[in-house]
Amino acid sequence: MNTLHATADELDALAFGLSGAPFPDTGPTLVAAAPEEHRGLVAARLLRSLALRGVVVDGPHGPAVAPVFQPLLHCRLAAQVTVIVRVRTPGSSAMAAVCECDGSIVVHSADPDGVHHLREVRLPLLDAVLAQLDPPPLAKPGDRPLRMRYSELDSADNPFVSAVRDYSYAAKIIKISVEMATAALVVGRSGQAWLASVEPDGDGLDGRLYARPVGQLREAVASVLTGSPSHSVAGQ
């Protein structure tokens, strides 16, 4: 499958040339840090290394992205649906963005050395998102859904809060499209897994948190992608 490897600086230089906007999820870059009047020059210098690797070629109007890599960049920069997956364990963290555009799926990830990878995958959106998750085996769910104020997390005493305080695996899943959905998957040391989301109140000062036990990872993630993580029934 088609794959592009580049640094955050190189991706930002590509995005600057294509749209003038920063490349998403790359963090601080040389292009972004440069004064506005010098960004074009900084981007042009970064594109030289991409030209040596065949990512950038000479086009009729100057440097252009090689045709083989254009679908990857288009899907990442103009995605109709983007699902951000941020995974954390007590000793590590990782982030990936799964993008869908015109039926194509592109996964954007970065390794510990700071190299970013854009790769096309032939999977449905749900399966591509599931591929970014690797939780420990889940215990059989035995607790009922819980509702509490977000501000009560520090003081509440229930199985979900216990899992948050002593977690073995956590993942934040953010779906960005016409509508936005956000949920957190938390797995406690016992293997008990919870899917939680917050529904803001009208004043926006405090939200009501809904947490439900999870028995099947696929069903839980599917509920996030359909926009209803708080009201689905676990294990079905």
C-alpha atoms as a PDB file:
ATOM      1  CA  MET A   1       0.000   0.000   0.000  1.00  0.00           C
ATOM      2  CA  ASN A   2       1.041   3.575  -0.652  1.00  0.00           C
ATOM      3  CA  THR A   3       2.985   5.152   2.251  1.00  0.00           C
ATOM      4  CA  LEU A   4       4.662   8.519   2.826  1.00  0.00           C
ATOM      5  CA  HIS A   5       7.338   9.052   5.484  1.00  0.00           C
ATOM      6  CA  ALA A   6       8.288  12.607   6.436  1.00  0.00           C
ATOM      7  CA  THR A   7       9.223  14.802   9.376  1.00  0.00           C
ATOM      8  CA  ALA A   8       6.755  17.226  10.912  1.00  0.00           C
ATOM      9  CA  ASP A   9       8.693  20.109   9.334  1.00  0.00           C
ATOM     10  CA  GLU A  10       8.459  18.514   5.893  1.00  0.00           C
ATOM     11  CA  LEU A  11       4.728  17.849   6.189  1.00  0.00           C
ATOM     12  CA  ASP A  12       4.118  21.416   7.307  1.00  0.00           C
ATOM     13  CA  ALA A  13       6.109  22.664   4.319  1.00  0.00           C
ATOM     14  CA  LEU A  14       3.932  20.558   2.010  1.00  0.00           C
ATOM     15  CA  ALA A  15       0.750  21.875   3.607  1.00  0.00           C
ATOM     16  CA  PHE A  16       2.013  25.459   3.361  1.00  0.00           C
ATOM     17  CA  GLY A  17       2.514  25.010  -0.374  1.00  0.00           C
ATOM     18  CA  LEU A  18      -0.851  23.324  -0.887  1.00  0.00           C
ATOM     19  CA  SER A  19      -3.145  25.406   1.297  1.00  0.00           C
ATOM     20  CA  GLY A  20      -1.116  27.877   3.324  1.00  0.00           C
ATOM     21  CA  ALA A  21      -2.434  26.218   6.499  1.00  0.00           C
ATOM     22  CA  PRO A  22      -0.452  24.122   9.008  1.00  0.00           C
ATOM     23  CA  PHE A  23      -0.398  20.351   8.641  1.00  0.00           C
ATOM     24  CA  PRO A  24      -2.675  18.863  11.317  1.00  0.00           C
ATOM     25  CA  ASP A  25      -1.278  17.061  14.357  1.00  0.00           C
ATOM     26  CA  THR A  26       2.394  17.786  13.740  1.00  0.00           C
ATOM     27  CA  GLY A  27       3.064  20.110  16.674  1.00  0.00           C
ATOM     28  CA  PRO A  28       5.471  23.076  16.505  1.00  0.00           C
ATOM     29  CA  THR A  29       7.435  23.242  13.231  1.00  0.00           C
ATOM     30  CA  LEU A  30      10.048  25.436  11.591  1.00  0.00           C
ATOM     31  CA  VAL A  31       7.491  26.797   9.141  1.00  0.00           C
ATOM     32  CA  ALA A  32       5.078  27.767  11.903  1.00  0.00           C
ATOM     33  CA  ALA A  33       7.866  29.364  13.958  1.00  0.00           C
ATOM     34  CA  ALA A  34       9.217  31.482  11.093  1.00  0.00           C
ATOM     35  CA  PRO A  35       8.020  35.071  10.654  1.00  0.00           C
ATOM     36  CA  GLU A  36       5.148  35.184   8.201  1.00  0.00           C
ATOM     37  CA  GLU A  37       7.201  36.952   5.538  1.00  0.00           C
ATOM     38  CA  HIS A  38       9.853  34.187   5.638  1.00  0.00           C
ATOM     39  CA  ARG A  39       7.622  31.102   5.749  1.00  0.00           C
ATOM     40  CA  GLY A  40       7.679  30.613   2.002  1.00  0.00           C
ATOM     41  CA  LEU A  41      11.488  30.539   1.987  1.00  0.00           C
ATOM     42  CA  VAL A  42      11.645  28.118   4.929  1.00  0.00           C
ATOM     43  CA  ALA A  43       9.081  25.839   3.275  1.00  0.00           C
ATOM     44  CA  ALA A  44      10.986  25.891  -0.025  1.00  0.00           C
ATOM     45  CA  ARG A  45      14.182  24.763   1.688  1.00  0.00           C
ATOM     46  CA  LEU A  46      12.391  21.908   3.429  1.00  0.00           C
ATOM     47  CA  LEU A  47      10.871  20.767   0.147  1.00  0.00           C
ATOM     48  CA  ARG A  48      14.345  20.139  -1.256  1.00  0.00           C
ATOM     49  CA  SER A  49      14.815  17.042   0.901  1.00  0.00           C
ATOM     50  CA  LEU A  50      11.420  15.770  -0.237  1.00  0.00           C
ATOM     51  CA  ALA A  51      12.438  16.352  -3.847  1.00  0.00           C
ATOM     52  CA  LEU A  52      15.509  14.166  -3.343  1.00  0.00           C
ATOM     53  CA  ARG A  53      13.192  11.362  -2.170  1.00  0.00           C
ATOM     54  CA  GLY A  54      10.779  11.778  -5.058  1.00  0.00           C
ATOM     55  CA  VAL A  55       7.935  13.141  -2.944  1.00  0.00           C
ATOM     56  CA  VAL A  56       8.125  16.538  -4.655  1.00  0.00           C
ATOM     57  CA  VAL A  57       8.629  16.872  -8.423  1.00  0.00           C
ATOM     58  CA  ASP A  58       8.865  19.709 -10.900  1.00  0.00           C
ATOM     59  CA  GLY A  59       5.421  20.795 -12.029  1.00  0.00           C
ATOM     60  CA  PRO A  60       4.273  23.272 -14.689  1.00  0.00           C
ATOM     61  CA  HIS A  61       3.961  25.989 -12.043  1.00  0.00           C
ATOM     62  CA  GLY A  62       6.860  24.996  -9.788  1.00  0.00           C
ATOM     63  CA  PRO A  63       7.392  22.220  -7.224  1.00  0.00           C
ATOM     64  CA  ALA A  64       4.434  19.839  -6.897  1.00  0.00           C
ATOM     65  CA  VAL A  65       3.605  16.703  -4.946  1.00  0.00           C
ATOM     66  CA  ALA A  66       4.351  13.561  -6.947  1.00  0.00           C
ATOM     67  CA  PRO A  67       1.105  12.011  -8.247  1.00  0.00           C
ATOM     68  CA  VAL A  68       1.621   8.790  -6.277  1.00  0.00           C
ATOM     69  CA  PHE A  69       1.512  10.733  -2.985  1.00  0.00           C
ATOM     70  CA  GLN A  70      -1.271  13.178  -3.836  1.00  0.00           C
ATOM     71  CA  PRO A  71      -4.147  10.905  -2.675  1.00  0.00           C
ATOM     72  CA  LEU A  72      -2.499  10.465   0.744  1.00  0.00           C
ATOM     73  CA  LEU A  73      -2.143  14.190   1.327  1.00  0.00           C
ATOM     74  CA  HIS A  74      -5.570  14.982  -0.079  1.00  0.00           C
ATOM     75  CA  CYS A  75      -7.259  12.477   2.226  1.00  0.00           C
ATOM     76  CA  ARG A  76      -5.407  13.804   5.283  1.00  0.00           C
ATOM     77  CA  LEU A  77      -5.924  17.495   4.510  1.00  0.00           C
ATOM     78  CA  ALA A  78      -9.462  17.319   3.113  1.00  0.00           C
ATOM     79  CA  ALA A  79     -10.933  14.412   5.089  1.00  0.00           C
ATOM     80  CA  GLN A  80     -14.697  14.153   5.314  1.00  0.00           C
ATOM     81  CA  VAL A  81     -14.290  12.187   8.557  1.00  0.00           C
ATOM     82  CA  THR A  82     -11.273  12.233  10.874  1.00  0.00           C
ATOM     83  CA  VAL A  83     -10.979  10.018  13.944  1.00  0.00           C
ATOM     84  CA  ILE A  84      -8.205  10.990  16.364  1.00  0.00           C
ATOM     85  CA  VAL A  85      -7.037   8.158  18.629  1.00  0.00           C
ATOM     86  CA  ARG A  86      -4.802   9.075  21.580  1.00  0.00           C
ATOM     87  CA  VAL A  87      -3.606   6.044  23.555  1.00  0.00           C
ATOM     88  CA  ARG A  88      -1.914   6.169  26.940  1.00  0.00           C
ATOM     89  CA  THR A  89      -0.562   3.537  29.299  1.00  0.00           C
ATOM     90  CA  PRO A  90       1.357   4.211  32.533  1.00  0.00           C
ATOM     91  CA  GLY A  91       4.610   4.105  30.532  1.00  0.00           C
ATOM     92  CA  SER A  92       3.804   5.218  26.990  1.00  0.00           C
ATOM     93  CA  SER A  93       1.607   7.310  24.739  1.00  0.00           C
ATOM     94  CA  ALA A  94       0.745   7.331  21.034  1.00  0.00           C
ATOM     95  CA  MET A  95      -1.483   9.209  18.629  1.00  0.00           C
ATOM     96  CA  ALA A  96      -2.981   8.349  15.251  1.00  0.00           C
ATOM     97  CA  ALA A  97      -5.484  10.013  12.948  1.00  0.00           C
ATOM     98  CA  VAL A  98      -7.704   7.843  10.763  1.00  0.00           C
ATOM     99  CA  CYS A  99      -9.040   9.848   7.821  1.00  0.00           C
ATOM    100  CA  GLU A 100     -11.780   9.006   5.343  1.00  0.00           C
ATOM    101  CA  CYS A 101     -12.214  10.868   2.071  1.00  0.00           C
ATOM    102  CA  ASP A 102     -14.173   9.761  -0.995  1.00  0.00           C
ATOM    103  CA  GLY A 103     -14.066   6.133   0.098  1.00  0.00           C
ATOM    104  CA  SER A 104     -10.327   6.079   0.828  1.00  0.00           C
ATOM    105  CA  ILE A 105      -8.832   5.561   4.290  1.00  0.00           C
ATOM    106  CA  VAL A 106      -5.477   7.062   5.296  1.00  0.00           C
ATOM    107  CA  VAL A 107      -3.838   6.585   8.702  1.00  0.00           C
ATOM    108  CA  HIS A 108      -1.491   9.297   9.998  1.00  0.00           C
ATOM    109  CA  SER A 109       0.825   8.254  12.827  1.00  0.00           C
ATOM    110  CA  ALA A 110       4.217   9.231  14.231  1.00  0.00           C
ATOM    111  CA  ASP A 111       6.994   7.144  15.747  1.00  0.00           C
ATOM    112  CA  PRO A 112       9.093   8.024  18.826  1.00  0.00           C
ATOM    113  CA  ASP A 113      11.829   9.454  16.567  1.00  0.00           C
ATOM    114  CA  GLY A 114       9.455  12.109  15.240  1.00  0.00           C
ATOM    115  CA  VAL A 115       8.965  10.607  11.793  1.00  0.00           C
ATOM    116  CA  HIS A 116       5.385  10.836  10.568  1.00  0.00           C
ATOM    117  CA  HIS A 117       3.787   8.156   8.435  1.00  0.00           C
ATOM    118  CA  LEU A 118       0.824   8.511   6.082  1.00  0.00           C
ATOM    119  CA  ARG A 119      -0.383   5.187   4.776  1.00  0.00           C
ATOM    120  CA  GLU A 120      -3.392   4.069   2.815  1.00  0.00           C
ATOM    121  CA  VAL A 121      -5.262   1.090   4.255  1.00  0.00           C
ATOM    122  CA  ARG A 122      -7.918  -1.040   2.632  1.00  0.00           C
ATOM    123  CA  LEU A 123     -10.163  -1.296   5.644  1.00  0.00           C
ATOM    124  CA  PRO A 124     -13.549   0.136   6.612  1.00  0.00           C
ATOM    125  CA  LEU A 125     -13.308   3.160   8.907  1.00  0.00           C
ATOM    126  CA  LEU A 126     -14.294   1.166  12.006  1.00  0.00           C
ATOM    127  CA  ASP A 127     -11.678  -1.522  11.402  1.00  0.00           C
ATOM    128  CA  ALA A 128      -8.997   1.092  10.706  1.00  0.00           C
ATOM    129  CA  VAL A 129      -9.775   2.763  14.044  1.00  0.00           C
ATOM    130  CA  LEU A 130      -9.790  -0.572  15.889  1.00  0.00           C
ATOM    131  CA  ALA A 131      -6.346  -1.300  14.443  1.00  0.00           C
ATOM    132  CA  GLN A 132      -5.002   1.676  16.427  1.00  0.00           C
ATOM    133  CA  LEU A 133      -6.227   0.193  19.721  1.00  0.00           C
ATOM    134  CA  ASP A 134      -4.539  -2.628  21.614  1.00  0.00           C
ATOM    135  CA  PRO A 135      -6.039  -2.803  25.103  1.00  0.00           C
ATOM    136  CA  PRO A 136      -5.419  -5.698  27.491  1.00  0.00           C
ATOM    137  CA  PRO A 137      -8.069  -8.446  27.622  1.00  0.00           C
ATOM    138  CA  LEU A 138     -11.334  -7.005  28.885  1.00  0.00           C
ATOM    139  CA  ALA A 139     -13.047  -8.485  31.914  1.00  0.00           C
ATOM    140  CA  LYS A 140     -16.720  -9.367  31.754  1.00  0.00           C
ATOM    141  CA  PRO A 141     -18.723  -6.197  32.454  1.00  0.00           C
ATOM    142  CA  GLY A 142     -20.644  -6.395  35.689  1.00  0.00           C
ATOM    143  CA  ASP A 143     -21.444  -2.823  36.690  1.00  0.00           C
ATOM    144  CA  ARG A 144     -24.286  -0.604  35.599  1.00  0.00           C
ATOM    145  CA  PRO A 145     -23.803   2.672  33.718  1.00  0.00           C
ATOM    146  CA  LEU A 146     -22.923   5.615  35.937  1.00  0.00           C
ATOM    147  CA  ARG A 147     -23.814   9.283  35.739  1.00  0.00           C
ATOM    148  CA  MET A 148     -22.030  12.050  37.602  1.00  0.00           C
ATOM    149  CA  ARG A 149     -20.842  15.601  37.239  1.00  0.00           C
ATOM    150  CA  TYR A 150     -17.447  15.943  35.600  1.00  0.00           C
ATOM    151  CA  SER A 151     -16.324  17.957  38.612  1.00  0.00           C
ATOM    152  CA  GLU A 152     -17.143  14.993  40.869  1.00  0.00           C
ATOM    153  CA  LEU A 153     -14.380  12.807  39.416  1.00  0.00           C
ATOM    154  CA  ASP A 154     -11.953  13.760  42.170  1.00  0.00           C
ATOM    155  CA  SER A 155     -14.342  12.907  44.986  1.00  0.00           C
ATOM    156  CA  ALA A 156     -16.664  10.188  43.682  1.00  0.00           C
ATOM    157  CA  ASP A 157     -16.214   6.606  44.866  1.00  0.00           C
ATOM    158  CA  ASN A 158     -17.400   4.098  42.268  1.00  0.00           C
ATOM    159  CA  PRO A 159     -15.918   1.422  39.961  1.00  0.00           C
ATOM    160  CA  PHE A 160     -15.378   3.840  37.055  1.00  0.00           C
ATOM    161  CA  VAL A 161     -13.460   6.361  39.150  1.00  0.00           C
ATOM    162  CA  SER A 162     -11.398   3.502  40.596  1.00  0.00           C
ATOM    163  CA  ALA A 163     -10.465   2.454  37.050  1.00  0.00           C
ATOM    164  CA  VAL A 164      -9.482   6.029  36.171  1.00  0.00           C
ATOM    165  CA  ARG A 165      -7.266   6.332  39.238  1.00  0.00           C
ATOM    166  CA  ASP A 166      -5.508   3.013  38.636  1.00  0.00           C
ATOM    167  CA  TYR A 167      -5.718   2.463  34.891  1.00  0.00           C
ATOM    168  CA  SER A 168      -3.691   0.090  32.757  1.00  0.00           C
ATOM    169  CA  TYR A 169      -4.852   1.466  29.392  1.00  0.00           C
ATOM    170  CA  ALA A 170      -6.698   4.573  28.258  1.00  0.00           C
ATOM    171  CA  ALA A 171      -7.691   5.872  24.841  1.00  0.00           C
ATOM    172  CA  LYS A 172      -9.389   9.094  23.831  1.00  0.00           C
ATOM    173  CA  ILE A 173     -11.377   8.788  20.604  1.00  0.00           C
ATOM    174  CA  ILE A 174     -12.460  11.965  18.820  1.00  0.00           C
ATOM    175  CA  LYS A 175     -14.587  11.818  15.690  1.00  0.00           C
ATOM    176  CA  ILE A 176     -14.548  15.001  13.606  1.00  0.00           C
ATOM    177  CA  SER A 177     -17.014  15.354  10.741  1.00  0.00           C
ATOM    178  CA  VAL A 178     -20.267  17.253  10.258  1.00  0.00           C
ATOM    179  CA  GLU A 179     -20.912  16.364  13.884  1.00  0.00           C
ATOM    180  CA  MET A 180     -18.302  15.758  16.569  1.00  0.00           C
ATOM    181  CA  ALA A 181     -18.195  12.945  19.116  1.00  0.00           C
ATOM    182  CA  THR A 182     -15.656  12.385  21.886  1.00  0.00           C
ATOM    183  CA  ALA A 183     -15.307   9.447  24.261  1.00  0.00           C
ATOM    184  CA  ALA A 184     -12.682   7.917  26.520  1.00  0.00           C
ATOM    185  CA  LEU A 185     -12.000   4.212  26.886  1.00  0.00           C
ATOM    186  CA  VAL A 186     -10.513   3.397  30.300  1.00  0.00           C
ATOM    187  CA  VAL A 187      -9.350  -0.064  31.356  1.00  0.00           C
ATOM    188  CA  GLY A 188      -8.606  -0.618  35.045  1.00  0.00           C
ATOM    189  CA  ARG A 189      -6.030  -3.007  36.466  1.00  0.00           C
ATOM    190  CA  SER A 190      -8.730  -5.641  36.904  1.00  0.00           C
ATOM    191  CA  GLY A 191      -9.532  -5.571  33.189  1.00  0.00           C
ATOM    192  CA  GLN A 192     -12.829  -3.775  33.771  1.00  0.00           C
ATOM    193  CA  ALA A 193     -13.336  -1.399  30.831  1.00  0.00           C
ATOM    194  CA  TRP A 194     -15.460   1.733  30.671  1.00  0.00           C
ATOM    195  CA  LEU A 195     -16.526   4.064  27.876  1.00  0.00           C
ATOM    196  CA  ALA A 196     -17.160   7.613  29.070  1.00  0.00           C
ATOM    197  CA  SER A 197     -18.326  10.864  27.505  1.00  0.00           C
ATOM    198  CA  VAL A 198     -19.317  14.290  28.795  1.00  0.00           C
ATOM    199  CA  GLU A 199     -22.435  16.190  27.809  1.00  0.00           C
ATOM    200  CA  PRO A 200     -21.924  19.900  28.592  1.00  0.00           C
ATOM    201  CA  ASP A 201     -24.619  21.821  30.405  1.00  0.00           C
ATOM    202  CA  GLY A 202     -26.082  24.935  28.903  1.00  0.00           C
ATOM    203  CA  ASP A 203     -23.810  27.205  30.912  1.00  0.00           C
ATOM    204  CA  GLY A 204     -20.718  25.250  29.834  1.00  0.00           C
ATOM    205  CA  LEU A 205     -19.213  25.367  33.345  1.00  0.00           C
ATOM    206  CA  ASP A 206     -19.686  21.730  34.278  1.00  0.00           C
ATOM    207  CA  GLY A 207     -20.776  18.682  32.347  1.00  0.00           C
ATOM    208  CA  ARG A 208     -22.573  15.465  33.132  1.00  0.00           C
ATOM    209  CA  LEU A 209     -20.371  12.443  32.643  1.00  0.00           C
ATOM    210  CA  TYR A 210     -21.816   9.143  31.432  1.00  0.00           C
ATOM    211  CA  ALA A 211     -19.708   6.005  31.901  1.00  0.00           C
ATOM    212  CA  ARG A 212     -20.820   2.539  30.924  1.00  0.00           C
ATOM    213  CA  PRO A 213     -19.074  -0.826  31.221  1.00  0.00           C
ATOM    214  CA  VAL A 214     -17.676  -2.244  28.003  1.00  0.00           C
ATOM    215  CA  GLY A 215     -17.761  -5.907  27.096  1.00  0.00           C
ATOM    216  CA  GLN A 216     -16.878  -5.747  23.401  1.00  0.00           C
ATOM    217  CA  LEU A 217     -14.340  -3.270  22.042  1.00  0.00           C
ATOM    218  CA  ARG A 218     -15.781  -3.275  18.528  1.00  0.00           C
ATOM    219  CA  GLU A 219     -19.272  -2.373  19.704  1.00  0.00           C
ATOM    220  CA  ALA A 220     -17.931   0.370  21.965  1.00  0.00           C
ATOM    221  CA  VAL A 221     -15.889   2.035  19.210  1.00  0.00           C
ATOM    222  CA  ALA A 222     -18.761   1.717  16.746  1.00  0.00           C
ATOM    223  CA  SER A 223     -20.976   3.617  19.174  1.00  0.00           C
ATOM    224  CA  VAL A 224     -18.479   6.500  19.179  1.00  0.00           C
ATOM    225  CA  LEU A 225     -18.357   6.622  15.388  1.00  0.00           C
ATOM    226  CA  THR A 226     -22.144   6.720  15.195  1.00  0.00           C
ATOM    227  CA  GLY A 227     -22.190   9.510  17.764  1.00  0.00           C
ATOM    228  CA  SER A 228     -23.940   7.764  20.657  1.00  0.00           C
ATOM    229  CA  PRO A 229     -21.291   6.423  23.073  1.00  0.00           C
ATOM    230  CA  SER A 230     -23.325   7.268  26.171  1.00  0.00           C
ATOM    231  CA  HIS A 231     -26.532   5.533  25.292  1.00  0.00           C
ATOM    232  CA  SER A 232     -25.488   2.229  23.725  1.00  0.00           C
ATOM    233  CA  VAL A 233     -25.867  -1.038  25.604  1.00  0.00           C
ATOM    234  CA  ALA A 234     -22.591  -2.757  26.496  1.00  0.00           C
ATOM    235  CA  GLY A 235     -21.884  -6.222  25.206  1.00  0.00           C
ATOM    236  CA  GLN A 236     -24.499  -6.226  22.447  1.00  0.00           C
END
